């Protein structure tokens, strides 16, 4: 096994070294709750390389301006990263064809890199045909999809409802245990990504079941 990247093992502020990946498409209702019209939406996942904290953004369509808007929202809420990491466009083998074309489009890559340069962010891509280099965000996408499938199943939500669900899933992912805080068997408190964000887990107690 090769050595982990320096960003994974060196101390840094949350999201200073950040990986990003896309998931989707997912159907959302266009209009009110009773609307029968659906459109596609996508999920942008940002993951901290050091603390494994995650940030989810719902993106309304697959254009460069929408992704840059999601990136601006992420920076405004989590702070500006110094380094961003993402998959190479050719590694999205299992992605939707439309998503694959968007991520490998030269104009998209150029716009994102230009914005990052203007903000003082270094953008790095993994080597072609090497998705294992992005194992951290690939695992995050898998966990996010697992929670999303269990929560909504085959239901189609509105944009606001899906945004709320994604933020709650984000809180669950940022409350997962990383390691024990002490060796005391009678104090089973665990260190979570939420401790690096707000000094405590984001959702320590589960909500009551709504099943009949």
C-alpha atoms as a PDB file:
ATOM      1  CA  UNK A   1       0.000   0.000   0.000  1.00  0.00           C
ATOM      2  CA  UNK A   2       1.271   3.443  -0.918  1.00  0.00           C
ATOM      3  CA  UNK A   3       1.752   6.322   1.469  1.00  0.00           C
ATOM      4  CA  UNK A   4      -1.199   8.599   2.225  1.00  0.00           C
ATOM      5  CA  UNK A   5      -1.000  12.136   0.783  1.00  0.00           C
ATOM      6  CA  UNK A   6       0.458  14.785   3.083  1.00  0.00           C
ATOM      7  CA  UNK A   7      -2.943  16.526   3.252  1.00  0.00           C
ATOM      8  CA  UNK A   8      -4.419  13.404   4.891  1.00  0.00           C
ATOM      9  CA  UNK A   9      -1.930  13.132   7.747  1.00  0.00           C
ATOM     10  CA  UNK A  10      -0.790  16.704   8.529  1.00  0.00           C
ATOM     11  CA  UNK A  11      -2.661  19.050  10.853  1.00  0.00           C
ATOM     12  CA  UNK A  12      -4.718  21.735   9.107  1.00  0.00           C
ATOM     13  CA  UNK A  13      -7.887  23.762   9.495  1.00  0.00           C
ATOM     14  CA  UNK A  14     -11.147  22.025   8.503  1.00  0.00           C
ATOM     15  CA  UNK A  15     -11.609  22.102   4.719  1.00  0.00           C
ATOM     16  CA  UNK A  16      -8.211  23.738   4.130  1.00  0.00           C
ATOM     17  CA  UNK A  17      -7.455  20.731   1.915  1.00  0.00           C
ATOM     18  CA  UNK A  18     -10.726  19.721   0.324  1.00  0.00           C
ATOM     19  CA  UNK A  19     -11.888  17.079  -2.164  1.00  0.00           C
ATOM     20  CA  UNK A  20     -14.990  17.528  -4.314  1.00  0.00           C
ATOM     21  CA  UNK A  21     -17.170  15.124  -6.253  1.00  0.00           C
ATOM     22  CA  UNK A  22     -20.549  15.091  -7.989  1.00  0.00           C
ATOM     23  CA  UNK A  23     -23.438  12.644  -7.599  1.00  0.00           C
ATOM     24  CA  UNK A  24     -26.671  12.327  -9.513  1.00  0.00           C
ATOM     25  CA  UNK A  25     -28.880  12.941 -11.254  1.00  0.00           C
ATOM     26  CA  UNK A  26     -31.754  12.829  -8.783  1.00  0.00           C
ATOM     27  CA  UNK A  27     -35.357  13.726  -9.593  1.00  0.00           C
ATOM     28  CA  UNK A  28     -36.914  16.747  -7.850  1.00  0.00           C
ATOM     29  CA  UNK A  29     -40.379  18.228  -8.186  1.00  0.00           C
ATOM     30  CA  UNK A  30     -40.577  21.460 -10.145  1.00  0.00           C
ATOM     31  CA  UNK A  31     -43.112  23.786  -8.559  1.00  0.00           C
ATOM     32  CA  UNK A  32     -45.345  23.079  -5.568  1.00  0.00           C
ATOM     33  CA  UNK A  33     -45.681  19.928  -3.482  1.00  0.00           C
ATOM     34  CA  UNK A  34     -48.580  18.698  -5.622  1.00  0.00           C
ATOM     35  CA  UNK A  35     -46.763  19.275  -8.905  1.00  0.00           C
ATOM     36  CA  UNK A  36     -46.282  16.306 -11.228  1.00  0.00           C
ATOM     37  CA  UNK A  37     -43.450  17.950 -13.170  1.00  0.00           C
ATOM     38  CA  UNK A  38     -39.970  16.695 -12.273  1.00  0.00           C
ATOM     39  CA  UNK A  39     -36.513  17.929 -13.188  1.00  0.00           C
ATOM     40  CA  UNK A  40     -32.956  16.701 -12.607  1.00  0.00           C
ATOM     41  CA  UNK A  41     -30.742  17.904  -9.785  1.00  0.00           C
ATOM     42  CA  UNK A  42     -27.215  16.995  -8.742  1.00  0.00           C
ATOM     43  CA  UNK A  43     -25.359  16.811  -5.436  1.00  0.00           C
ATOM     44  CA  UNK A  44     -21.924  18.349  -4.909  1.00  0.00           C
ATOM     45  CA  UNK A  45     -19.959  16.776  -2.045  1.00  0.00           C
ATOM     46  CA  UNK A  46     -17.025  18.558  -0.423  1.00  0.00           C
ATOM     47  CA  UNK A  47     -14.902  16.525   2.008  1.00  0.00           C
ATOM     48  CA  UNK A  48     -12.075  17.695   4.260  1.00  0.00           C
ATOM     49  CA  UNK A  49      -8.937  15.672   3.619  1.00  0.00           C
ATOM     50  CA  UNK A  50      -7.707  15.924   7.239  1.00  0.00           C
ATOM     51  CA  UNK A  51     -10.858  15.683   9.399  1.00  0.00           C
ATOM     52  CA  UNK A  52     -13.145  13.791   6.961  1.00  0.00           C
ATOM     53  CA  UNK A  53     -15.872  16.374   7.585  1.00  0.00           C
ATOM     54  CA  UNK A  54     -18.371  16.645   4.723  1.00  0.00           C
ATOM     55  CA  UNK A  55     -20.406  19.429   3.164  1.00  0.00           C
ATOM     56  CA  UNK A  56     -23.301  18.770   0.762  1.00  0.00           C
ATOM     57  CA  UNK A  57     -24.742  21.208  -1.769  1.00  0.00           C
ATOM     58  CA  UNK A  58     -27.776  20.599  -3.997  1.00  0.00           C
ATOM     59  CA  UNK A  59     -27.161  21.918  -7.516  1.00  0.00           C
ATOM     60  CA  UNK A  60     -30.158  22.711  -9.705  1.00  0.00           C
ATOM     61  CA  UNK A  61     -28.649  22.040 -13.119  1.00  0.00           C
ATOM     62  CA  UNK A  62     -25.507  20.883 -14.858  1.00  0.00           C
ATOM     63  CA  UNK A  63     -23.851  24.100 -15.980  1.00  0.00           C
ATOM     64  CA  UNK A  64     -20.589  25.670 -14.894  1.00  0.00           C
ATOM     65  CA  UNK A  65     -22.270  28.693 -13.290  1.00  0.00           C
ATOM     66  CA  UNK A  66     -24.323  26.420 -10.988  1.00  0.00           C
ATOM     67  CA  UNK A  67     -21.245  24.553  -9.777  1.00  0.00           C
ATOM     68  CA  UNK A  68     -19.357  27.812  -9.207  1.00  0.00           C
ATOM     69  CA  UNK A  69     -22.364  29.100  -7.234  1.00  0.00           C
ATOM     70  CA  UNK A  70     -22.257  25.933  -5.097  1.00  0.00           C
ATOM     71  CA  UNK A  71     -18.505  26.453  -4.614  1.00  0.00           C
ATOM     72  CA  UNK A  72     -19.119  30.065  -3.533  1.00  0.00           C
ATOM     73  CA  UNK A  73     -21.754  28.915  -1.010  1.00  0.00           C
ATOM     74  CA  UNK A  74     -19.323  26.336   0.346  1.00  0.00           C
ATOM     75  CA  UNK A  75     -16.552  28.937   0.732  1.00  0.00           C
ATOM     76  CA  UNK A  76     -18.929  31.403   2.431  1.00  0.00           C
ATOM     77  CA  UNK A  77     -20.010  28.812   5.027  1.00  0.00           C
ATOM     78  CA  UNK A  78     -16.837  26.741   5.545  1.00  0.00           C
ATOM     79  CA  UNK A  79     -14.043  29.128   4.660  1.00  0.00           C
ATOM     80  CA  UNK A  80     -11.737  29.316   1.673  1.00  0.00           C
ATOM     81  CA  UNK A  81      -9.646  26.166   1.083  1.00  0.00           C
ATOM     82  CA  UNK A  82      -6.040  26.459   0.014  1.00  0.00           C
ATOM     83  CA  UNK A  83      -6.105  23.282  -2.090  1.00  0.00           C
ATOM     84  CA  UNK A  84      -8.969  21.568  -3.922  1.00  0.00           C
ATOM     85  CA  UNK A  85      -8.794  18.005  -5.242  1.00  0.00           C
ATOM     86  CA  UNK A  86     -11.109  16.310  -7.725  1.00  0.00           C
ATOM     87  CA  UNK A  87     -11.309  13.320 -10.039  1.00  0.00           C
ATOM     88  CA  UNK A  88     -10.112  13.584 -13.591  1.00  0.00           C
ATOM     89  CA  UNK A  89     -13.051  13.759 -15.995  1.00  0.00           C
ATOM     90  CA  UNK A  90     -12.193  10.434 -17.609  1.00  0.00           C
ATOM     91  CA  UNK A  91     -12.526   8.552 -14.308  1.00  0.00           C
ATOM     92  CA  UNK A  92     -16.295   8.980 -14.006  1.00  0.00           C
ATOM     93  CA  UNK A  93     -16.974   5.613 -15.584  1.00  0.00           C
ATOM     94  CA  UNK A  94     -20.179   4.925 -13.672  1.00  0.00           C
ATOM     95  CA  UNK A  95     -21.502   8.470 -13.848  1.00  0.00           C
ATOM     96  CA  UNK A  96     -24.425   9.641 -15.904  1.00  0.00           C
ATOM     97  CA  UNK A  97     -23.373  10.445 -19.489  1.00  0.00           C
ATOM     98  CA  UNK A  98     -24.511  14.049 -19.116  1.00  0.00           C
ATOM     99  CA  UNK A  99     -22.531  14.405 -15.901  1.00  0.00           C
ATOM    100  CA  UNK A 100     -19.485  12.810 -17.517  1.00  0.00           C
ATOM    101  CA  UNK A 101     -19.607  15.273 -20.427  1.00  0.00           C
ATOM    102  CA  UNK A 102     -19.943  18.198 -18.026  1.00  0.00           C
ATOM    103  CA  UNK A 103     -17.007  17.161 -15.838  1.00  0.00           C
ATOM    104  CA  UNK A 104     -14.699  16.438 -18.786  1.00  0.00           C
ATOM    105  CA  UNK A 105     -15.663  19.567 -20.736  1.00  0.00           C
ATOM    106  CA  UNK A 106     -12.647  21.795 -21.358  1.00  0.00           C
ATOM    107  CA  UNK A 107     -14.707  25.001 -20.915  1.00  0.00           C
ATOM    108  CA  UNK A 108     -15.966  23.780 -17.532  1.00  0.00           C
ATOM    109  CA  UNK A 109     -12.483  22.882 -16.336  1.00  0.00           C
ATOM    110  CA  UNK A 110     -11.071  26.192 -17.555  1.00  0.00           C
ATOM    111  CA  UNK A 111     -13.811  28.226 -15.835  1.00  0.00           C
ATOM    112  CA  UNK A 112     -13.385  26.396 -12.530  1.00  0.00           C
ATOM    113  CA  UNK A 113      -9.590  26.681 -12.623  1.00  0.00           C
ATOM    114  CA  UNK A 114      -9.782  30.396 -13.504  1.00  0.00           C
ATOM    115  CA  UNK A 115     -12.155  31.045 -10.596  1.00  0.00           C
ATOM    116  CA  UNK A 116      -9.924  29.065  -8.232  1.00  0.00           C
ATOM    117  CA  UNK A 117      -6.841  30.949  -9.366  1.00  0.00           C
ATOM    118  CA  UNK A 118      -8.545  34.305  -8.826  1.00  0.00           C
ATOM    119  CA  UNK A 119      -9.461  33.180  -5.281  1.00  0.00           C
ATOM    120  CA  UNK A 120      -5.969  31.889  -4.536  1.00  0.00           C
ATOM    121  CA  UNK A 121      -7.031  28.228  -4.504  1.00  0.00           C
ATOM    122  CA  UNK A 122      -4.780  25.530  -5.948  1.00  0.00           C
ATOM    123  CA  UNK A 123      -6.838  22.981  -7.945  1.00  0.00           C
ATOM    124  CA  UNK A 124      -5.437  19.494  -8.466  1.00  0.00           C
ATOM    125  CA  UNK A 125      -6.909  16.557 -10.389  1.00  0.00           C
ATOM    126  CA  UNK A 126      -6.193  12.881  -9.844  1.00  0.00           C
ATOM    127  CA  UNK A 127      -4.396  10.999 -12.631  1.00  0.00           C
ATOM    128  CA  UNK A 128      -6.571   9.656 -15.484  1.00  0.00           C
ATOM    129  CA  UNK A 129      -8.106   6.209 -14.921  1.00  0.00           C
ATOM    130  CA  UNK A 130      -7.091   6.213 -11.244  1.00  0.00           C
ATOM    131  CA  UNK A 131     -10.295   6.623  -9.208  1.00  0.00           C
ATOM    132  CA  UNK A 132      -8.582   5.071  -6.163  1.00  0.00           C
ATOM    133  CA  UNK A 133      -6.739   8.376  -5.730  1.00  0.00           C
ATOM    134  CA  UNK A 134     -10.128   9.872  -4.778  1.00  0.00           C
ATOM    135  CA  UNK A 135     -11.163   7.137  -2.384  1.00  0.00           C
ATOM    136  CA  UNK A 136     -12.061   9.651   0.342  1.00  0.00           C
ATOM    137  CA  UNK A 137     -14.772  11.428  -1.629  1.00  0.00           C
ATOM    138  CA  UNK A 138     -15.904   8.237  -3.362  1.00  0.00           C
ATOM    139  CA  UNK A 139     -16.570   6.736   0.098  1.00  0.00           C
ATOM    140  CA  UNK A 140     -18.411   9.921   1.043  1.00  0.00           C
ATOM    141  CA  UNK A 141     -20.662   9.634  -2.013  1.00  0.00           C
ATOM    142  CA  UNK A 142     -21.408   6.008  -1.119  1.00  0.00           C
ATOM    143  CA  UNK A 143     -22.373   6.906   2.480  1.00  0.00           C
ATOM    144  CA  UNK A 144     -24.488   9.847   1.352  1.00  0.00           C
ATOM    145  CA  UNK A 145     -26.375   7.711  -1.180  1.00  0.00           C
ATOM    146  CA  UNK A 146     -26.948   5.010   1.429  1.00  0.00           C
ATOM    147  CA  UNK A 147     -28.584   7.489   3.824  1.00  0.00           C
ATOM    148  CA  UNK A 148     -30.545   9.154   1.031  1.00  0.00           C
ATOM    149  CA  UNK A 149     -31.965   5.865  -0.219  1.00  0.00           C
ATOM    150  CA  UNK A 150     -33.065   4.837   3.254  1.00  0.00           C
ATOM    151  CA  UNK A 151     -34.705   8.196   3.986  1.00  0.00           C
ATOM    152  CA  UNK A 152     -36.618   8.982   0.784  1.00  0.00           C
ATOM    153  CA  UNK A 153     -36.722   5.643  -1.045  1.00  0.00           C
ATOM    154  CA  UNK A 154     -38.557   6.210  -4.334  1.00  0.00           C
ATOM    155  CA  UNK A 155     -40.223   9.450  -3.203  1.00  0.00           C
ATOM    156  CA  UNK A 156     -39.712  12.599  -5.277  1.00  0.00           C
ATOM    157  CA  UNK A 157     -39.171  15.701  -3.140  1.00  0.00           C
ATOM    158  CA  UNK A 158     -39.211  19.396  -3.889  1.00  0.00           C
ATOM    159  CA  UNK A 159     -35.934  21.319  -4.068  1.00  0.00           C
ATOM    160  CA  UNK A 160     -36.428  22.744  -0.553  1.00  0.00           C
ATOM    161  CA  UNK A 161     -37.339  19.351   0.938  1.00  0.00           C
ATOM    162  CA  UNK A 162     -34.361  17.638  -0.660  1.00  0.00           C
ATOM    163  CA  UNK A 163     -32.043  20.426   0.508  1.00  0.00           C
ATOM    164  CA  UNK A 164     -33.279  19.915   4.079  1.00  0.00           C
ATOM    165  CA  UNK A 165     -32.776  16.152   3.877  1.00  0.00           C
ATOM    166  CA  UNK A 166     -29.258  16.563   2.496  1.00  0.00           C
ATOM    167  CA  UNK A 167     -28.259  18.944   5.293  1.00  0.00           C
ATOM    168  CA  UNK A 168     -29.585  16.477   7.881  1.00  0.00           C
ATOM    169  CA  UNK A 169     -27.614  13.700   6.179  1.00  0.00           C
ATOM    170  CA  UNK A 170     -24.569  15.970   6.281  1.00  0.00           C
ATOM    171  CA  UNK A 171     -25.048  16.294  10.052  1.00  0.00           C
ATOM    172  CA  UNK A 172     -25.245  12.496  10.388  1.00  0.00           C
ATOM    173  CA  UNK A 173     -22.080  12.010   8.342  1.00  0.00           C
ATOM    174  CA  UNK A 174     -20.272  14.623  10.440  1.00  0.00           C
ATOM    175  CA  UNK A 175     -21.348  12.819  13.627  1.00  0.00           C
ATOM    176  CA  UNK A 176     -19.872   9.444  12.713  1.00  0.00           C
ATOM    177  CA  UNK A 177     -17.154   8.245  15.113  1.00  0.00           C
ATOM    178  CA  UNK A 178     -13.522   8.435  14.018  1.00  0.00           C
ATOM    179  CA  UNK A 179     -11.883   7.089  17.180  1.00  0.00           C
ATOM    180  CA  UNK A 180     -12.367   7.022  20.955  1.00  0.00           C
ATOM    181  CA  UNK A 181     -11.614  10.194  22.892  1.00  0.00           C
ATOM    182  CA  UNK A 182     -10.011   8.249  25.747  1.00  0.00           C
ATOM    183  CA  UNK A 183      -8.988   4.747  26.785  1.00  0.00           C
ATOM    184  CA  UNK A 184     -11.553   4.727  29.603  1.00  0.00           C
ATOM    185  CA  UNK A 185     -14.036   1.901  28.951  1.00  0.00           C
ATOM    186  CA  UNK A 186     -16.680   3.719  31.002  1.00  0.00           C
ATOM    187  CA  UNK A 187     -16.451   6.830  28.823  1.00  0.00           C
ATOM    188  CA  UNK A 188     -17.274   5.639  25.300  1.00  0.00           C
ATOM    189  CA  UNK A 189     -17.389   9.135  23.799  1.00  0.00           C
ATOM    190  CA  UNK A 190     -15.947   9.215  20.282  1.00  0.00           C
ATOM    191  CA  UNK A 191     -14.150  11.854  18.269  1.00  0.00           C
ATOM    192  CA  UNK A 192     -16.248  12.919  15.264  1.00  0.00           C
ATOM    193  CA  UNK A 193     -15.757  15.366  12.374  1.00  0.00           C
ATOM    194  CA  UNK A 194     -18.279  17.607  14.145  1.00  0.00           C
ATOM    195  CA  UNK A 195     -15.777  18.142  16.974  1.00  0.00           C
ATOM    196  CA  UNK A 196     -13.493  19.934  14.506  1.00  0.00           C
ATOM    197  CA  UNK A 197     -16.391  22.125  13.308  1.00  0.00           C
ATOM    198  CA  UNK A 198     -18.407  22.996  16.447  1.00  0.00           C
ATOM    199  CA  UNK A 199     -16.444  21.168  19.202  1.00  0.00           C
ATOM    200  CA  UNK A 200     -19.172  18.522  19.585  1.00  0.00           C
ATOM    201  CA  UNK A 201     -21.142  15.993  17.507  1.00  0.00           C
ATOM    202  CA  UNK A 202     -23.801  17.568  15.306  1.00  0.00           C
ATOM    203  CA  UNK A 203     -26.528  15.028  16.107  1.00  0.00           C
ATOM    204  CA  UNK A 204     -25.613  12.864  19.084  1.00  0.00           C
ATOM    205  CA  UNK A 205     -29.137  11.620  19.768  1.00  0.00           C
ATOM    206  CA  UNK A 206     -31.268   9.902  17.099  1.00  0.00           C
ATOM    207  CA  UNK A 207     -34.714  11.265  16.340  1.00  0.00           C
ATOM    208  CA  UNK A 208     -37.728   9.091  17.259  1.00  0.00           C
ATOM    209  CA  UNK A 209     -38.952   6.651  14.629  1.00  0.00           C
ATOM    210  CA  UNK A 210     -41.924   7.776  12.535  1.00  0.00           C
ATOM    211  CA  UNK A 211     -42.792   4.243  11.432  1.00  0.00           C
ATOM    212  CA  UNK A 212     -46.292   3.047  12.498  1.00  0.00           C
END
